[in-house]
């Protein structure tokens, strides 16, 4: 009787659902969605009435974008060292 329960439990659980790729893909997808939501919340938070504040926010965004671009460029440039 115990063996029949094990077989039934095994057939109910889809092993493909718990694969490494699918679990990390779901995690990455949920984190990406929350990042985009937070990005738009912060974008709406900018005070557009003051041109000085808009300029500061724009410079800040461009600086962070430049740093991230440079970081990923260096990572891909030296990929042969990492692998």
N, C-alpha and C. Protein backbone atom coordinates (compact mmCIF):
# COMPACT_ATOMS: atom_id res chain seq x y z
N UNK A 1 0.82 -1.19 0.00
CA UNK A 1 0.00 0.00 0.00
C UNK A 1 0.88 1.26 0.00
N UNK A 2 1.95 1.24 0.75
CA UNK A 2 2.85 2.38 0.80
C UNK A 2 3.51 2.62 -0.55
N UNK A 3 3.84 1.54 -1.24
CA UNK A 3 4.46 1.68 -2.55
C UNK A 3 3.52 2.33 -3.55
N UNK A 4 2.25 2.02 -3.49
CA UNK A 4 1.30 2.63 -4.43
C UNK A 4 1.17 4.13 -4.18
N UNK A 5 1.27 4.54 -2.93
CA UNK A 5 1.24 5.98 -2.62
C UNK A 5 2.47 6.67 -3.19
N UNK A 6 3.64 6.04 -3.07
CA UNK A 6 4.86 6.63 -3.60
C UNK A 6 4.78 6.78 -5.12
N UNK A 7 4.24 5.79 -5.79
CA UNK A 7 4.12 5.86 -7.24
C UNK A 7 3.14 6.97 -7.63
N UNK A 8 2.03 7.08 -6.90
CA UNK A 8 1.06 8.13 -7.21
C UNK A 8 1.64 9.51 -6.92
N UNK A 9 2.37 9.65 -5.84
CA UNK A 9 2.98 10.94 -5.51
C UNK A 9 4.01 11.32 -6.56
N UNK A 10 4.76 10.33 -7.05
CA UNK A 10 5.77 10.60 -8.06
C UNK A 10 5.13 11.03 -9.37
N UNK A 11 4.01 10.42 -9.72
CA UNK A 11 3.36 10.78 -10.98
C UNK A 11 2.73 12.16 -10.90
N UNK A 12 2.33 12.60 -9.71
CA UNK A 12 1.72 13.92 -9.57
C UNK A 12 2.78 15.02 -9.69
N UNK A 13 3.96 14.79 -9.13
CA UNK A 13 5.03 15.78 -9.17
C UNK A 13 5.70 15.73 -10.54
N UNK A 14 5.70 16.85 -11.21
CA UNK A 14 6.36 16.94 -12.51
C UNK A 14 7.80 17.37 -12.26
N UNK A 15 8.74 16.48 -12.51
CA UNK A 15 10.14 16.78 -12.23
C UNK A 15 10.66 17.92 -13.10
N UNK A 16 10.06 18.10 -14.27
CA UNK A 16 10.51 19.17 -15.16
C UNK A 16 10.20 20.54 -14.58
N UNK A 17 9.15 20.63 -13.74
CA UNK A 17 8.79 21.90 -13.13
C UNK A 17 9.86 22.39 -12.17
N UNK A 18 10.65 21.48 -11.63
CA UNK A 18 11.65 21.84 -10.64
C UNK A 18 13.06 21.79 -11.20
N UNK A 19 13.19 21.96 -12.50
CA UNK A 19 14.52 21.95 -13.09
C UNK A 19 15.26 23.22 -12.70
N UNK A 20 16.56 23.16 -12.75
CA UNK A 20 17.41 24.29 -12.35
C UNK A 20 17.09 25.51 -13.19
N UNK A 21 16.99 25.33 -14.51
CA UNK A 21 16.75 26.46 -15.41
C UNK A 21 15.40 27.11 -15.13
N UNK A 22 14.36 26.31 -14.98
CA UNK A 22 13.03 26.88 -14.78
C UNK A 22 12.93 27.63 -13.46
N UNK A 23 13.54 27.09 -12.41
CA UNK A 23 13.49 27.77 -11.11
C UNK A 23 14.21 29.11 -11.18
N UNK A 24 15.39 29.14 -11.79
CA UNK A 24 16.13 30.40 -11.90
C UNK A 24 15.45 31.36 -12.86
N UNK A 25 14.84 30.83 -13.91
CA UNK A 25 14.11 31.69 -14.85
C UNK A 25 12.94 32.37 -14.16
N UNK A 26 12.19 31.62 -13.36
CA UNK A 26 11.06 32.21 -12.63
C UNK A 26 11.54 33.27 -11.63
N UNK A 27 12.63 32.99 -10.94
CA UNK A 27 13.19 33.94 -9.99
C UNK A 27 13.64 35.21 -10.71
N UNK A 28 14.37 35.03 -11.83
CA UNK A 28 14.84 36.18 -12.61
C UNK A 28 13.67 36.99 -13.15
N UNK A 29 12.64 36.30 -13.62
CA UNK A 29 11.47 36.97 -14.17
C UNK A 29 10.76 37.80 -13.10
N UNK A 30 10.58 37.25 -11.91
CA UNK A 30 9.90 38.00 -10.85
C UNK A 30 10.73 39.19 -10.38
N UNK A 31 12.05 39.01 -10.30
CA UNK A 31 12.91 40.14 -9.91
C UNK A 31 12.93 41.22 -10.97
N UNK A 32 12.89 40.82 -12.24
CA UNK A 32 12.87 41.80 -13.32
C UNK A 32 11.59 42.61 -13.30
N UNK A 33 10.47 41.94 -13.07
CA UNK A 33 9.18 42.64 -13.01
C UNK A 33 9.17 43.63 -11.85
N UNK A 34 9.66 43.22 -10.69
CA UNK A 34 9.67 44.14 -9.55
C UNK A 34 10.64 45.30 -9.78
N UNK A 35 11.77 45.04 -10.47
CA UNK A 35 12.71 46.13 -10.78
C UNK A 35 12.07 47.15 -11.70
N UNK A 36 11.36 46.69 -12.73
CA UNK A 36 10.70 47.60 -13.67
C UNK A 36 9.62 48.39 -12.96
N UNK A 37 8.87 47.75 -12.08
CA UNK A 37 7.83 48.46 -11.32
C UNK A 37 8.45 49.55 -10.45
N UNK A 38 9.53 49.24 -9.76
CA UNK A 38 10.19 50.23 -8.91
C UNK A 38 10.78 51.36 -9.75
N UNK A 39 11.31 51.02 -10.93
CA UNK A 39 11.87 52.04 -11.82
C UNK A 39 10.80 53.05 -12.21
N UNK A 40 9.63 52.57 -12.59
CA UNK A 40 8.56 53.48 -12.99
C UNK A 40 8.02 54.27 -11.80
N UNK A 41 7.99 53.66 -10.61
CA UNK A 41 7.56 54.41 -9.43
C UNK A 41 8.52 55.56 -9.16
N UNK A 42 9.82 55.29 -9.26
CA UNK A 42 10.81 56.35 -9.04
C UNK A 42 10.76 57.39 -10.15
N UNK A 43 10.46 56.97 -11.37
CA UNK A 43 10.35 57.92 -12.48
C UNK A 43 9.20 58.89 -12.24
N UNK A 44 8.09 58.39 -11.72
CA UNK A 44 6.95 59.27 -11.43
C UNK A 44 7.21 60.16 -10.22
N UNK A 45 8.17 59.79 -9.40
CA UNK A 45 8.48 60.54 -8.18
C UNK A 45 9.26 61.82 -8.48
N UNK A 46 9.89 61.89 -9.66
CA UNK A 46 10.71 63.06 -9.99
C UNK A 46 9.83 64.32 -10.00
N UNK A 47 10.37 65.37 -9.44
CA UNK A 47 9.64 66.64 -9.41
C UNK A 47 9.96 67.40 -10.70
N UNK A 48 9.01 67.42 -11.61
CA UNK A 48 9.24 68.00 -12.92
C UNK A 48 9.09 69.51 -12.92
N UNK A 49 8.66 70.09 -11.80
CA UNK A 49 8.44 71.54 -11.78
C UNK A 49 9.75 72.32 -11.79
N UNK A 50 10.79 71.75 -11.22
CA UNK A 50 12.07 72.45 -11.14
C UNK A 50 13.02 71.89 -12.19
N UNK A 51 13.50 72.76 -13.08
CA UNK A 51 14.40 72.30 -14.14
C UNK A 51 15.74 71.86 -13.56
N UNK A 52 16.15 72.44 -12.43
CA UNK A 52 17.41 72.04 -11.81
C UNK A 52 17.32 70.61 -11.28
N UNK A 53 16.19 70.25 -10.68
CA UNK A 53 16.02 68.89 -10.17
C UNK A 53 15.93 67.88 -11.32
N UNK A 54 15.29 68.27 -12.42
CA UNK A 54 15.22 67.38 -13.58
C UNK A 54 16.63 67.16 -14.14
N UNK A 55 17.43 68.22 -14.19
CA UNK A 55 18.81 68.10 -14.69
C UNK A 55 19.63 67.18 -13.79
N UNK A 56 19.48 67.32 -12.46
CA UNK A 56 20.21 66.45 -11.53
C UNK A 56 19.80 64.99 -11.70
N UNK A 57 18.50 64.75 -11.81
CA UNK A 57 18.01 63.38 -11.98
C UNK A 57 18.52 62.79 -13.30
N UNK A 58 18.52 63.59 -14.36
CA UNK A 58 18.99 63.12 -15.67
C UNK A 58 20.47 62.78 -15.61
N UNK A 59 21.26 63.63 -14.98
CA UNK A 59 22.70 63.36 -14.83
C UNK A 59 22.93 62.10 -14.01
N UNK A 60 22.16 61.93 -12.96
CA UNK A 60 22.28 60.75 -12.11
C UNK A 60 21.98 59.47 -12.89
N UNK A 61 20.90 59.50 -13.68
CA UNK A 61 20.53 58.33 -14.48
C UNK A 61 21.59 58.04 -15.53
N UNK A 62 22.10 59.08 -16.19
CA UNK A 62 23.14 58.87 -17.21
C UNK A 62 24.43 58.35 -16.59
N UNK A 63 24.77 58.82 -15.40
CA UNK A 63 25.97 58.34 -14.72
C UNK A 63 25.85 56.86 -14.37
N UNK A 64 24.73 56.47 -13.80
CA UNK A 64 24.53 55.06 -13.45
C UNK A 64 24.50 54.19 -14.70
N UNK A 65 23.86 54.67 -15.76
CA UNK A 65 23.83 53.91 -17.02
C UNK A 65 25.24 53.74 -17.58
N UNK A 66 26.04 54.79 -17.51
CA UNK A 66 27.43 54.70 -17.99
C UNK A 66 28.26 53.74 -17.17
N UNK A 67 28.09 53.76 -15.85
CA UNK A 67 28.84 52.85 -14.99
C UNK A 67 28.45 51.40 -15.27
N UNK A 68 27.16 51.14 -15.40
CA UNK A 68 26.71 49.77 -15.69
C UNK A 68 27.18 49.31 -17.07
N UNK A 69 27.14 50.20 -18.06
CA UNK A 69 27.61 49.84 -19.40
C UNK A 69 29.09 49.52 -19.38
N UNK A 70 29.87 50.33 -18.70
CA UNK A 70 31.31 50.09 -18.59
C UNK A 70 31.59 48.78 -17.86
N UNK A 71 30.85 48.52 -16.80
CA UNK A 71 31.04 47.29 -16.04
C UNK A 71 30.80 46.06 -16.91
N UNK A 72 29.66 46.04 -17.63
CA UNK A 72 29.36 44.89 -18.47
C UNK A 72 30.31 44.79 -19.66
N UNK A 73 30.78 45.93 -20.17
CA UNK A 73 31.75 45.90 -21.26
C UNK A 73 33.05 45.25 -20.80
N UNK A 74 33.50 45.61 -19.61
CA UNK A 74 34.73 45.02 -19.06
C UNK A 74 34.53 43.54 -18.79
N UNK A 75 33.38 43.16 -18.26
CA UNK A 75 33.11 41.74 -18.01
C UNK A 75 33.18 40.94 -19.30
N UNK A 76 32.51 41.42 -20.35
CA UNK A 76 32.51 40.68 -21.61
C UNK A 76 33.85 40.77 -22.32
N UNK A 77 34.59 41.84 -22.08
CA UNK A 77 35.91 41.98 -22.69
C UNK A 77 36.87 40.94 -22.13
N UNK A 78 36.79 40.71 -20.83
CA UNK A 78 37.69 39.75 -20.17
C UNK A 78 37.00 38.43 -19.87
N UNK A 79 36.01 38.08 -20.65
CA UNK A 79 35.30 36.82 -20.45
C UNK A 79 36.24 35.63 -20.61
N UNK A 80 37.22 35.76 -21.45
CA UNK A 80 38.15 34.65 -21.67
C UNK A 80 38.99 34.38 -20.42
N UNK A 81 39.17 35.37 -19.56
CA UNK A 81 39.89 35.14 -18.30
C UNK A 81 39.02 34.41 -17.28
N UNK A 82 37.73 34.72 -17.31
CA UNK A 82 36.82 34.16 -16.32
C UNK A 82 36.54 32.69 -16.60
N UNK A 83 36.38 32.35 -17.89
CA UNK A 83 36.03 30.96 -18.23
C UNK A 83 37.24 30.09 -18.44
